Amino acid sequence: MPVYFFWGADEFRVKKAVRALCDRNLNPDWASFNYEKIPPEQSDAVISGLNQAMTPPFGMGKRVVWLVDTPLGQRCPADLLTELERTLPKIPDSSILLLTSGNKPDGRLKSTKLINKHADIREFDTIPPWKTEQIEHQVYQVAKDVGLQLTPAAASLLGEVIGADTRRLYNELEKLKTYWADSPQALTPEAVTDLVATSTQSSLQLAAALRQGNTDRALSLITDLLERNEPALRIVATLVGQMRTWLWVKLMTELGERDTRTIAQAADVGNPKRIYFLQKETRDLSSLQLRNALTLLLSLEFALKQGAPETVTLHTKVIELAHCFKHV
């Protein structure tokens, strides 16, 4: 298929996929003639890209035309839609038209439906920090990509320490591969501890401290996160996701639901086996506490988006959140 659409906020994975696509289709000796990267600020970017894609390549290999940060998935004027309808079905196999965007295409648009019909669409969105199963799956996928076998404990530890930061994950796994090259065994968590900075604090640890009503621990964690330049809104997003998961698990349990698959589906938890542990975590909590915590988090998010000072606002709300869970 000569048309590709890569979208998502994980810029590292997008750029890696773009490089792989170019390496597969461009002849190195003719790349300077057959590779065109068109920036979004170019006034005629889409028309120019379509025209270039219809042009036969010079010499060996294919032609690759890359429309960077294209808005076609969010808006498309009628004249551009007409050009897309006319050109996309006719792009020759000797060309590759690549569209990239940080945003998910709007499925309601005619342009998106047209792209869906003619393009290979791939998602490269960042995994939310609270989706630990997906993060651990990504760890395994990247380890396979670099040629390193992991024990389950090592994969779990890497997922906890690195999270969804794919750039760092690739760097750390390449380093671990070099360190572990002479061993026939799968990489152990001890090797991860030796070589990867595992002392960093995570937003999920902050959520656990809040759940326990441990104000001092929560304040220490929020200070560490801010000192590591963790974006305040990302911290809040993680807390909201974790609190929402706990609330759904608690509500379903209070309603008498015993089927872990049903609870997992309601709570958007990929692995039903994890429900047992989530129920243990919420055993001493009430659904009212969790609802109150979500209300505080939403007010915190609103304040930060209105420009409130991050450090003072976060510390104040963390104290209130911890207090939420001190009395059942």
C-alpha atoms as a PDB file:
ATOM      1  CA  MET A   1       0.000   0.000   0.000  1.00  0.00           C
ATOM      2  CA  PRO A   2       1.592   3.315  -1.084  1.00  0.00           C
ATOM      3  CA  VAL A   3      -0.159   5.540   1.516  1.00  0.00           C
ATOM      4  CA  TYR A   4       0.599   5.520   5.257  1.00  0.00           C
ATOM      5  CA  PHE A   5      -0.832   7.548   8.136  1.00  0.00           C
ATOM      6  CA  PHE A   6       1.119   7.504  11.430  1.00  0.00           C
ATOM      7  CA  TRP A   7      -0.505   9.290  14.365  1.00  0.00           C
ATOM      8  CA  GLY A   8       0.172   9.638  18.084  1.00  0.00           C
ATOM      9  CA  ALA A   9       2.007  11.662  20.705  1.00  0.00           C
ATOM     10  CA  ASP A  10       4.974   9.277  21.020  1.00  0.00           C
ATOM     11  CA  GLU A  11       7.359  11.196  18.763  1.00  0.00           C
ATOM     12  CA  PHE A  12      10.228   8.768  19.308  1.00  0.00           C
ATOM     13  CA  ARG A  13       8.252   5.768  18.026  1.00  0.00           C
ATOM     14  CA  VAL A  14       6.844   7.807  15.119  1.00  0.00           C
ATOM     15  CA  LYS A  15      10.337   8.889  14.019  1.00  0.00           C
ATOM     16  CA  LYS A  16      11.609   5.334  14.390  1.00  0.00           C
ATOM     17  CA  ALA A  17       8.773   4.038  12.199  1.00  0.00           C
ATOM     18  CA  VAL A  18       9.435   6.774   9.615  1.00  0.00           C
ATOM     19  CA  ARG A  19      13.120   5.815   9.463  1.00  0.00           C
ATOM     20  CA  ALA A  20      12.221   2.152   9.012  1.00  0.00           C
ATOM     21  CA  LEU A  21       9.776   3.001   6.211  1.00  0.00           C
ATOM     22  CA  CYS A  22      12.393   5.115   4.445  1.00  0.00           C
ATOM     23  CA  ASP A  23      15.091   2.468   4.852  1.00  0.00           C
ATOM     24  CA  ARG A  24      12.823  -0.154   3.268  1.00  0.00           C
ATOM     25  CA  ASN A  25      11.852   1.952   0.259  1.00  0.00           C
ATOM     26  CA  LEU A  26      14.638   4.423  -0.524  1.00  0.00           C
ATOM     27  CA  ASN A  27      17.768   3.460  -2.400  1.00  0.00           C
ATOM     28  CA  PRO A  28      20.661   5.121  -0.514  1.00  0.00           C
ATOM     29  CA  ASP A  29      22.347   6.220  -3.754  1.00  0.00           C
ATOM     30  CA  TRP A  30      19.195   7.955  -4.979  1.00  0.00           C
ATOM     31  CA  ALA A  31      17.669   9.120  -1.662  1.00  0.00           C
ATOM     32  CA  SER A  32      18.559  12.788  -2.169  1.00  0.00           C
ATOM     33  CA  PHE A  33      16.457  12.781  -5.354  1.00  0.00           C
ATOM     34  CA  ASN A  34      13.543  10.685  -4.098  1.00  0.00           C
ATOM     35  CA  TYR A  35      12.942  11.826  -0.516  1.00  0.00           C
ATOM     36  CA  GLU A  36      10.785  14.877   0.184  1.00  0.00           C
ATOM     37  CA  LYS A  37       9.876  16.099   3.693  1.00  0.00           C
ATOM     38  CA  ILE A  38       7.180  18.774   3.562  1.00  0.00           C
ATOM     39  CA  PRO A  39       6.644  20.901   6.709  1.00  0.00           C
ATOM     40  CA  PRO A  40       3.134  21.923   7.855  1.00  0.00           C
ATOM     41  CA  GLU A  41       3.858  25.642   7.525  1.00  0.00           C
ATOM     42  CA  GLN A  42       4.272  25.332   3.765  1.00  0.00           C
ATOM     43  CA  SER A  43       1.149  26.947   2.317  1.00  0.00           C
ATOM     44  CA  ASP A  44       0.614  24.367  -0.417  1.00  0.00           C
ATOM     45  CA  ALA A  45       1.888  21.388   1.600  1.00  0.00           C
ATOM     46  CA  VAL A  46      -0.902  18.947   0.757  1.00  0.00           C
ATOM     47  CA  ILE A  47      -1.084  19.777  -2.956  1.00  0.00           C
ATOM     48  CA  SER A  48       2.698  19.679  -3.238  1.00  0.00           C
ATOM     49  CA  GLY A  49       2.820  16.329  -1.444  1.00  0.00           C
ATOM     50  CA  LEU A  50       0.184  14.792  -3.692  1.00  0.00           C
ATOM     51  CA  ASN A  51       1.948  16.058  -6.824  1.00  0.00           C
ATOM     52  CA  GLN A  52       5.310  14.741  -5.621  1.00  0.00           C
ATOM     53  CA  ALA A  53       3.783  11.334  -4.816  1.00  0.00           C
ATOM     54  CA  MET A  54       2.463  11.084  -8.384  1.00  0.00           C
ATOM     55  CA  THR A  55       5.936  11.803  -9.815  1.00  0.00           C
ATOM     56  CA  PRO A  56       7.980   8.704 -10.802  1.00  0.00           C
ATOM     57  CA  PRO A  57      11.219   8.213  -8.807  1.00  0.00           C
ATOM     58  CA  PHE A  58      14.634   8.904 -10.272  1.00  0.00           C
ATOM     59  CA  GLY A  59      16.967   5.963 -10.641  1.00  0.00           C
ATOM     60  CA  MET A  60      16.594   3.013  -8.273  1.00  0.00           C
ATOM     61  CA  GLY A  61      14.253   2.555  -5.325  1.00  0.00           C
ATOM     62  CA  LYS A  62      10.986   4.311  -4.567  1.00  0.00           C
ATOM     63  CA  ARG A  63      10.016   7.905  -3.959  1.00  0.00           C
ATOM     64  CA  VAL A  64       9.014   8.810  -0.346  1.00  0.00           C
ATOM     65  CA  VAL A  65       6.990  11.962   0.310  1.00  0.00           C
ATOM     66  CA  TRP A  66       6.419  12.851   3.982  1.00  0.00           C
ATOM     67  CA  LEU A  67       3.721  15.356   4.979  1.00  0.00           C
ATOM     68  CA  VAL A  68       4.763  16.302   8.535  1.00  0.00           C
ATOM     69  CA  ASP A  69       2.060  17.139  11.135  1.00  0.00           C
ATOM     70  CA  THR A  70      -0.667  17.202   8.504  1.00  0.00           C
ATOM     71  CA  PRO A  71      -4.024  18.663   9.603  1.00  0.00           C
ATOM     72  CA  LEU A  72      -5.995  16.408   7.218  1.00  0.00           C
ATOM     73  CA  GLY A  73      -7.258  14.265  10.081  1.00  0.00           C
ATOM     74  CA  GLN A  74      -8.731  17.295  11.880  1.00  0.00           C
ATOM     75  CA  ARG A  75      -9.880  19.573   9.063  1.00  0.00           C
ATOM     76  CA  CYS A  76      -9.944  19.426   5.292  1.00  0.00           C
ATOM     77  CA  PRO A  77     -11.299  22.177   3.006  1.00  0.00           C
ATOM     78  CA  ALA A  78     -13.504  21.088   0.115  1.00  0.00           C
ATOM     79  CA  ASP A  79     -10.840  21.799  -2.508  1.00  0.00           C
ATOM     80  CA  LEU A  80      -8.284  19.614  -0.740  1.00  0.00           C
ATOM     81  CA  LEU A  81     -10.859  16.860  -0.257  1.00  0.00           C
ATOM     82  CA  THR A  82     -11.472  16.868  -4.011  1.00  0.00           C
ATOM     83  CA  GLU A  83      -7.731  16.524  -4.644  1.00  0.00           C
ATOM     84  CA  LEU A  84      -7.482  13.674  -2.142  1.00  0.00           C
ATOM     85  CA  GLU A  85     -10.398  11.843  -3.760  1.00  0.00           C
ATOM     86  CA  ARG A  86      -8.788  12.239  -7.163  1.00  0.00           C
ATOM     87  CA  THR A  87      -5.199  11.390  -6.206  1.00  0.00           C
ATOM     88  CA  LEU A  88      -5.101   8.826  -3.367  1.00  0.00           C
ATOM     89  CA  PRO A  89      -6.508   5.913  -5.428  1.00  0.00           C
ATOM     90  CA  LYS A  90      -4.000   6.610  -8.217  1.00  0.00           C
ATOM     91  CA  ILE A  91      -0.716   6.934  -6.303  1.00  0.00           C
ATOM     92  CA  PRO A  92       1.646   4.477  -8.038  1.00  0.00           C
ATOM     93  CA  ASP A  93       3.345   1.616  -6.204  1.00  0.00           C
ATOM     94  CA  SER A  94       6.665   3.285  -7.008  1.00  0.00           C
ATOM     95  CA  SER A  95       5.833   6.056  -4.478  1.00  0.00           C
ATOM     96  CA  ILE A  96       5.157   6.213  -0.747  1.00  0.00           C
ATOM     97  CA  LEU A  97       2.986   9.021   0.604  1.00  0.00           C
ATOM     98  CA  LEU A  98       3.447   9.295   4.373  1.00  0.00           C
ATOM     99  CA  LEU A  99       1.158  11.439   6.546  1.00  0.00           C
ATOM    100  CA  THR A 100       1.967  12.015  10.232  1.00  0.00           C
ATOM    101  CA  SER A 101       0.036  13.762  12.985  1.00  0.00           C
ATOM    102  CA  GLY A 102       0.245  14.029  16.755  1.00  0.00           C
ATOM    103  CA  ASN A 103      -3.551  13.864  16.990  1.00  0.00           C
ATOM    104  CA  LYS A 104      -5.976  11.022  16.438  1.00  0.00           C
ATOM    105  CA  PRO A 105      -7.833  11.425  13.114  1.00  0.00           C
ATOM    106  CA  ASP A 106     -11.438  12.585  13.499  1.00  0.00           C
ATOM    107  CA  GLY A 107     -13.475   9.641  12.251  1.00  0.00           C
ATOM    108  CA  ARG A 108     -16.423  11.899  11.370  1.00  0.00           C
ATOM    109  CA  LEU A 109     -14.543  13.737   8.619  1.00  0.00           C
ATOM    110  CA  LYS A 110     -14.810  12.717   4.982  1.00  0.00           C
ATOM    111  CA  SER A 111     -11.043  13.128   4.650  1.00  0.00           C
ATOM    112  CA  THR A 112     -10.466  10.646   7.504  1.00  0.00           C
ATOM    113  CA  LYS A 113     -12.860   8.132   5.943  1.00  0.00           C
ATOM    114  CA  LEU A 114     -11.029   8.526   2.641  1.00  0.00           C
ATOM    115  CA  ILE A 115      -7.646   8.032   4.311  1.00  0.00           C
ATOM    116  CA  ASN A 116      -9.012   4.969   6.137  1.00  0.00           C
ATOM    117  CA  LYS A 117      -9.967   3.506   2.777  1.00  0.00           C
ATOM    118  CA  HIS A 118      -6.646   4.042   1.040  1.00  0.00           C
ATOM    119  CA  ALA A 119      -3.993   4.197   3.784  1.00  0.00           C
ATOM    120  CA  ASP A 120      -2.223   1.919   6.245  1.00  0.00           C
ATOM    121  CA  ILE A 121      -3.037   3.689   9.531  1.00  0.00           C
ATOM    122  CA  ARG A 122      -0.821   3.057  12.564  1.00  0.00           C
ATOM    123  CA  GLU A 123      -1.196   4.385  16.088  1.00  0.00           C
ATOM    124  CA  PHE A 124       1.803   5.597  18.100  1.00  0.00           C
ATOM    125  CA  ASP A 125       0.046   7.191  21.037  1.00  0.00           C
ATOM    126  CA  THR A 126       1.685   7.363  24.464  1.00  0.00           C
ATOM    127  CA  ILE A 127       0.426   4.728  26.891  1.00  0.00           C
ATOM    128  CA  PRO A 128      -1.188   6.304  29.989  1.00  0.00           C
ATOM    129  CA  PRO A 129       0.995   5.632  33.082  1.00  0.00           C
ATOM    130  CA  TRP A 130      -1.798   3.820  34.918  1.00  0.00           C
ATOM    131  CA  LYS A 131      -2.182   1.187  32.166  1.00  0.00           C
ATOM    132  CA  THR A 132       0.572  -0.950  33.619  1.00  0.00           C
ATOM    133  CA  GLU A 133      -0.270  -4.073  31.597  1.00  0.00           C
ATOM    134  CA  GLN A 134       0.148  -2.194  28.314  1.00  0.00           C
ATOM    135  CA  ILE A 135       3.414  -0.644  29.500  1.00  0.00           C
ATOM    136  CA  GLU A 136       4.777  -4.061  30.481  1.00  0.00           C
ATOM    137  CA  HIS A 137       3.700  -5.465  27.093  1.00  0.00           C
ATOM    138  CA  GLN A 138       5.593  -2.609  25.426  1.00  0.00           C
ATOM    139  CA  VAL A 139       8.684  -3.481  27.477  1.00  0.00           C
ATOM    140  CA  TYR A 140       8.542  -7.042  26.127  1.00  0.00           C
ATOM    141  CA  GLN A 141       8.040  -5.777  22.551  1.00  0.00           C
ATOM    142  CA  VAL A 142      11.006  -3.397  22.700  1.00  0.00           C
ATOM    143  CA  ALA A 143      13.179  -6.053  24.351  1.00  0.00           C
ATOM    144  CA  LYS A 144      12.324  -8.412  21.479  1.00  0.00           C
ATOM    145  CA  ASP A 145      13.155  -5.622  19.027  1.00  0.00           C
ATOM    146  CA  VAL A 146      16.654  -5.136  20.489  1.00  0.00           C
ATOM    147  CA  GLY A 147      17.197  -8.886  20.944  1.00  0.00           C
ATOM    148  CA  LEU A 148      17.108  -9.200  24.726  1.00  0.00           C
ATOM    149  CA  GLN A 149      15.179 -11.802  26.724  1.00  0.00           C
ATOM    150  CA  LEU A 150      13.660 -10.653  30.033  1.00  0.00           C
ATOM    151  CA  THR A 151      12.389 -12.471  33.081  1.00  0.00           C
ATOM    152  CA  PRO A 152       8.844 -11.397  34.072  1.00  0.00           C
ATOM    153  CA  ALA A 153      10.231  -9.698  37.200  1.00  0.00           C
ATOM    154  CA  ALA A 154      12.748  -7.698  35.133  1.00  0.00           C
ATOM    155  CA  ALA A 155      10.048  -6.629  32.660  1.00  0.00           C
ATOM    156  CA  SER A 156       7.769  -5.558  35.494  1.00  0.00           C
ATOM    157  CA  LEU A 157      10.555  -3.551  37.142  1.00  0.00           C
ATOM    158  CA  LEU A 158      11.477  -1.810  33.877  1.00  0.00           C
ATOM    159  CA  GLY A 159       7.827  -0.932  33.297  1.00  0.00           C
ATOM    160  CA  GLU A 160       7.560   0.544  36.785  1.00  0.00           C
ATOM    161  CA  VAL A 161      10.795   2.540  36.542  1.00  0.00           C
ATOM    162  CA  ILE A 162      10.633   3.768  32.936  1.00  0.00           C
ATOM    163  CA  GLY A 163       6.893   3.863  32.305  1.00  0.00           C
ATOM    164  CA  ALA A 164       5.823   4.822  28.785  1.00  0.00           C
ATOM    165  CA  ASP A 165       9.034   6.706  27.889  1.00  0.00           C
ATOM    166  CA  THR A 166       9.982   4.693  24.798  1.00  0.00           C
ATOM    167  CA  ARG A 167      13.134   6.694  24.055  1.00  0.00           C
ATOM    168  CA  ARG A 168      14.552   5.884  27.480  1.00  0.00           C
ATOM    169  CA  LEU A 169      13.292   2.300  27.252  1.00  0.00           C
ATOM    170  CA  TYR A 170      15.226   1.678  24.034  1.00  0.00           C
ATOM    171  CA  ASN A 171      18.355   3.322  25.483  1.00  0.00           C
ATOM    172  CA  GLU A 172      18.211   1.336  28.719  1.00  0.00           C
ATOM    173  CA  LEU A 173      17.539  -1.977  26.966  1.00  0.00           C
ATOM    174  CA  GLU A 174      20.426  -1.414  24.529  1.00  0.00           C
ATOM    175  CA  LYS A 175      22.678  -0.764  27.541  1.00  0.00           C
ATOM    176  CA  LEU A 176      21.366  -3.875  29.328  1.00  0.00           C
ATOM    177  CA  LYS A 177      21.867  -5.967  26.178  1.00  0.00           C
ATOM    178  CA  THR A 178      25.538  -4.996  26.056  1.00  0.00           C
ATOM    179  CA  TYR A 179      25.916  -5.775  29.765  1.00  0.00           C
ATOM    180  CA  TRP A 180      24.091  -9.138  29.492  1.00  0.00           C
ATOM    181  CA  ALA A 181      25.557 -10.216  26.140  1.00  0.00           C
ATOM    182  CA  ASP A 182      27.580 -13.166  27.472  1.00  0.00           C
ATOM    183  CA  SER A 183      24.758 -14.676  29.543  1.00  0.00           C
ATOM    184  CA  PRO A 184      22.497 -17.389  28.079  1.00  0.00           C
ATOM    185  CA  GLN A 185      19.848 -16.662  30.714  1.00  0.00           C
ATOM    186  CA  ALA A 186      16.999 -14.117  30.601  1.00  0.00           C
ATOM    187  CA  LEU A 187      17.827 -10.745  32.132  1.00  0.00           C
ATOM    188  CA  THR A 188      17.170 -10.609  35.871  1.00  0.00           C
ATOM    189  CA  PRO A 189      15.701  -7.755  37.965  1.00  0.00           C
ATOM    190  CA  GLU A 190      19.046  -7.572  39.826  1.00  0.00           C
ATOM    191  CA  ALA A 191      20.743  -6.541  36.575  1.00  0.00           C
ATOM    192  CA  VAL A 192      18.089  -3.875  36.043  1.00  0.00           C
ATOM    193  CA  THR A 193      18.700  -2.534  39.554  1.00  0.00           C
ATOM    194  CA  ASP A 194      22.467  -2.465  38.942  1.00  0.00           C
ATOM    195  CA  LEU A 195      22.318  -0.504  35.682  1.00  0.00           C
ATOM    196  CA  VAL A 196      19.040   1.433  35.590  1.00  0.00           C
ATOM    197  CA  ALA A 197      18.242   4.293  37.945  1.00  0.00           C
ATOM    198  CA  THR A 198      15.412   2.696  39.901  1.00  0.00           C
ATOM    199  CA  SER A 199      15.216   5.128  42.792  1.00  0.00           C
ATOM    200  CA  THR A 200      12.976   7.568  40.954  1.00  0.00           C
ATOM    201  CA  GLN A 201       9.486   8.060  42.284  1.00  0.00           C
ATOM    202  CA  SER A 202       6.403   7.607  40.154  1.00  0.00           C
ATOM    203  CA  SER A 203       2.956   9.160  40.088  1.00  0.00           C
ATOM    204  CA  LEU A 204       1.500   5.712  40.815  1.00  0.00           C
ATOM    205  CA  GLN A 205       3.497   5.608  44.060  1.00  0.00           C
ATOM    206  CA  LEU A 206       2.008   8.996  44.844  1.00  0.00           C
ATOM    207  CA  ALA A 207      -1.481   7.578  44.275  1.00  0.00           C
ATOM    208  CA  ALA A 208      -0.694   4.723  46.683  1.00  0.00           C
ATOM    209  CA  ALA A 209       0.525   7.162  49.352  1.00  0.00           C
ATOM    210  CA  LEU A 210      -2.655   9.221  48.982  1.00  0.00           C
ATOM    211  CA  ARG A 211      -4.806   6.091  49.237  1.00  0.00           C
ATOM    212  CA  GLN A 212      -3.077   5.275  52.519  1.00  0.00           C
ATOM    213  CA  GLY A 213      -3.625   8.814  53.824  1.00  0.00           C
ATOM    214  CA  ASN A 214       0.152   9.217  54.214  1.00  0.00           C
ATOM    215  CA  THR A 215       0.522  12.991  53.897  1.00  0.00           C
ATOM    216  CA  ASP A 216       4.285  13.159  54.582  1.00  0.00           C
ATOM    217  CA  ARG A 217       5.056  10.453  52.021  1.00  0.00           C
ATOM    218  CA  ALA A 218       2.768  12.068  49.444  1.00  0.00           C
ATOM    219  CA  LEU A 219       4.394  15.496  49.884  1.00  0.00           C
ATOM    220  CA  SER A 220       7.849  13.956  49.561  1.00  0.00           C
ATOM    221  CA  LEU A 221       6.834  12.159  46.365  1.00  0.00           C
ATOM    222  CA  ILE A 222       5.272  15.232  44.766  1.00  0.00           C
ATOM    223  CA  THR A 223       8.433  17.213  45.549  1.00  0.00           C
ATOM    224  CA  ASP A 224      10.607  14.521  43.939  1.00  0.00           C
ATOM    225  CA  LEU A 225       8.385  14.401  40.845  1.00  0.00           C
ATOM    226  CA  LEU A 226       8.517  18.171  40.378  1.00  0.00           C
ATOM    227  CA  GLU A 227      12.294  18.222  40.870  1.00  0.00           C
ATOM    228  CA  ARG A 228      12.537  15.657  38.048  1.00  0.00           C
ATOM    229  CA  ASN A 229      10.560  18.088  35.856  1.00  0.00           C
ATOM    230  CA  GLU A 230       7.563  15.769  35.635  1.00  0.00           C
ATOM    231  CA  PRO A 231       4.760  17.900  34.094  1.00  0.00           C
ATOM    232  CA  ALA A 232       2.117  18.745  36.694  1.00  0.00           C
ATOM    233  CA  LEU A 233      -0.786  17.929  34.380  1.00  0.00           C
ATOM    234  CA  ARG A 234       0.729  14.527  33.601  1.00  0.00           C
ATOM    235  CA  ILE A 235       0.920  13.800  37.337  1.00  0.00           C
ATOM    236  CA  VAL A 236      -2.732  14.779  37.689  1.00  0.00           C
ATOM    237  CA  ALA A 237      -3.730  12.653  34.676  1.00  0.00           C
ATOM    238  CA  THR A 238      -2.084   9.605  36.240  1.00  0.00           C
ATOM    239  CA  LEU A 239      -3.804  10.214  39.577  1.00  0.00           C
ATOM    240  CA  VAL A 240      -7.180  10.657  37.872  1.00  0.00           C
ATOM    241  CA  GLY A 241      -6.729   7.423  35.926  1.00  0.00           C
ATOM    242  CA  GLN A 242      -5.743   5.458  39.021  1.00  0.00           C
ATOM    243  CA  MET A 243      -8.523   6.904  41.196  1.00  0.00           C
ATOM    244  CA  ARG A 244     -11.082   6.199  38.473  1.00  0.00           C
ATOM    245  CA  THR A 245      -9.917   2.583  38.238  1.00  0.00           C
ATOM    246  CA  TRP A 246     -10.163   2.161  42.012  1.00  0.00           C
ATOM    247  CA  LEU A 247     -13.620   3.774  42.035  1.00  0.00           C
ATOM    248  CA  TRP A 248     -14.992   1.434  39.361  1.00  0.00           C
ATOM    249  CA  VAL A 249     -13.585  -1.608  41.135  1.00  0.00           C
ATOM    250  CA  LYS A 250     -15.049  -0.428  44.443  1.00  0.00           C
ATOM    251  CA  LEU A 251     -18.468   0.373  42.965  1.00  0.00           C
ATOM    252  CA  MET A 252     -18.743  -2.977  41.189  1.00  0.00           C
ATOM    253  CA  THR A 253     -17.648  -4.795  44.349  1.00  0.00           C
ATOM    254  CA  GLU A 254     -20.181  -2.879  46.470  1.00  0.00           C
ATOM    255  CA  LEU A 255     -22.890  -3.858  43.979  1.00  0.00           C
ATOM    256  CA  GLY A 256     -22.049  -7.498  44.620  1.00  0.00           C
ATOM    257  CA  GLU A 257     -20.379  -8.254  41.302  1.00  0.00           C
ATOM    258  CA  ARG A 258     -18.020 -11.234  41.639  1.00  0.00           C
ATOM    259  CA  ASP A 259     -17.036 -11.901  38.040  1.00  0.00           C
ATOM    260  CA  THR A 260     -13.539 -10.430  37.677  1.00  0.00           C
ATOM    261  CA  ARG A 261     -13.914 -10.192  33.895  1.00  0.00           C
ATOM    262  CA  THR A 262     -17.027  -8.047  34.256  1.00  0.00           C
ATOM    263  CA  ILE A 263     -15.293  -5.813  36.813  1.00  0.00           C
ATOM    264  CA  ALA A 264     -12.190  -5.569  34.624  1.00  0.00           C
ATOM    265  CA  GLN A 265     -14.273  -4.543  31.621  1.00  0.00           C
ATOM    266  CA  ALA A 266     -16.077  -1.839  33.626  1.00  0.00           C
ATOM    267  CA  ALA A 267     -12.811  -0.532  35.111  1.00  0.00           C
ATOM    268  CA  ASP A 268     -10.932  -0.694  31.776  1.00  0.00           C
ATOM    269  CA  VAL A 269      -8.378  -3.123  33.243  1.00  0.00           C
ATOM    270  CA  GLY A 270      -6.769  -5.322  30.623  1.00  0.00           C
ATOM    271  CA  ASN A 271      -5.891  -8.260  32.882  1.00  0.00           C
ATOM    272  CA  PRO A 272      -8.811  -9.607  34.987  1.00  0.00           C
ATOM    273  CA  LYS A 273      -6.300 -11.240  37.340  1.00  0.00           C
ATOM    274  CA  ARG A 274      -5.299  -7.769  38.484  1.00  0.00           C
ATOM    275  CA  ILE A 275      -8.782  -7.180  39.945  1.00  0.00           C
ATOM    276  CA  TYR A 276      -7.923  -9.267  43.030  1.00  0.00           C
ATOM    277  CA  PHE A 277      -5.083  -6.877  43.890  1.00  0.00           C
ATOM    278  CA  LEU A 278      -7.169  -3.782  43.136  1.00  0.00           C
ATOM    279  CA  GLN A 279      -9.866  -5.081  45.467  1.00  0.00           C
ATOM    280  CA  LYS A 280      -7.260  -5.526  48.183  1.00  0.00           C
ATOM    281  CA  GLU A 281      -6.048  -1.958  47.633  1.00  0.00           C
ATOM    282  CA  THR A 282      -9.589  -0.567  47.952  1.00  0.00           C
ATOM    283  CA  ARG A 283     -10.786  -2.879  50.738  1.00  0.00           C
ATOM    284  CA  ASP A 284     -10.550  -0.192  53.447  1.00  0.00           C
ATOM    285  CA  LEU A 285     -11.819   2.625  51.231  1.00  0.00           C
ATOM    286  CA  SER A 286     -15.346   3.784  50.487  1.00  0.00           C
ATOM    287  CA  SER A 287     -16.680   4.790  47.094  1.00  0.00           C
ATOM    288  CA  LEU A 288     -17.508   8.191  48.615  1.00  0.00           C
ATOM    289  CA  GLN A 289     -13.839   8.782  49.450  1.00  0.00           C
ATOM    290  CA  LEU A 290     -12.824   7.948  45.910  1.00  0.00           C
ATOM    291  CA  ARG A 291     -15.526  10.191  44.417  1.00  0.00           C
ATOM    292  CA  ASN A 292     -14.396  13.054  46.659  1.00  0.00           C
ATOM    293  CA  ALA A 293     -10.795  12.469  45.591  1.00  0.00           C
ATOM    294  CA  LEU A 294     -11.764  12.628  41.916  1.00  0.00           C
ATOM    295  CA  THR A 295     -13.635  15.881  42.554  1.00  0.00           C
ATOM    296  CA  LEU A 296     -10.501  17.359  44.162  1.00  0.00           C
ATOM    297  CA  LEU A 297      -8.349  16.167  41.262  1.00  0.00           C
ATOM    298  CA  LEU A 298     -10.660  17.741  38.694  1.00  0.00           C
ATOM    299  CA  SER A 299     -10.542  21.046  40.584  1.00  0.00           C
ATOM    300  CA  LEU A 300      -6.737  20.713  40.689  1.00  0.00           C
ATOM    301  CA  GLU A 301      -6.598  20.136  36.924  1.00  0.00           C
ATOM    302  CA  PHE A 302      -8.830  23.162  36.343  1.00  0.00           C
ATOM    303  CA  ALA A 303      -6.643  25.354  38.571  1.00  0.00           C
ATOM    304  CA  LEU A 304      -3.437  24.300  36.804  1.00  0.00           C
ATOM    305  CA  LYS A 305      -4.957  24.923  33.379  1.00  0.00           C
ATOM    306  CA  GLN A 306      -5.988  28.394  34.587  1.00  0.00           C
ATOM    307  CA  GLY A 307      -2.340  29.169  35.375  1.00  0.00           C
ATOM    308  CA  ALA A 308      -2.200  28.553  39.131  1.00  0.00           C
ATOM    309  CA  PRO A 309       1.370  28.171  40.518  1.00  0.00           C
ATOM    310  CA  GLU A 310       2.225  24.473  40.207  1.00  0.00           C
ATOM    311  CA  THR A 311       4.222  23.792  43.370  1.00  0.00           C
ATOM    312  CA  VAL A 312       1.939  25.529  45.861  1.00  0.00           C
ATOM    313  CA  THR A 313      -1.245  24.273  44.196  1.00  0.00           C
ATOM    314  CA  LEU A 314      -0.050  20.664  44.021  1.00  0.00           C
ATOM    315  CA  HIS A 315       1.150  20.632  47.625  1.00  0.00           C
ATOM    316  CA  THR A 316      -2.116  22.109  48.858  1.00  0.00           C
ATOM    317  CA  LYS A 317      -4.268  19.625  46.959  1.00  0.00           C
ATOM    318  CA  VAL A 318      -2.066  16.681  47.948  1.00  0.00           C
ATOM    319  CA  ILE A 319      -2.692  17.504  51.617  1.00  0.00           C
ATOM    320  CA  GLU A 320      -6.451  17.652  50.945  1.00  0.00           C
ATOM    321  CA  LEU A 321      -6.362  14.386  48.993  1.00  0.00           C
ATOM    322  CA  ALA A 322      -4.459  12.541  51.692  1.00  0.00           C
ATOM    323  CA  HIS A 323      -6.927  13.845  54.270  1.00  0.00           C
ATOM    324  CA  CYS A 324      -9.759  12.342  52.136  1.00  0.00           C
ATOM    325  CA  PHE A 325      -8.533   8.856  52.930  1.00  0.00           C
ATOM    326  CA  LYS A 326      -7.709   9.269  56.613  1.00  0.00           C
ATOM    327  CA  HIS A 327     -11.246   8.693  57.865  1.00  0.00           C
ATOM    328  CA  VAL A 328     -13.554   5.995  56.551  1.00  0.00           C
END
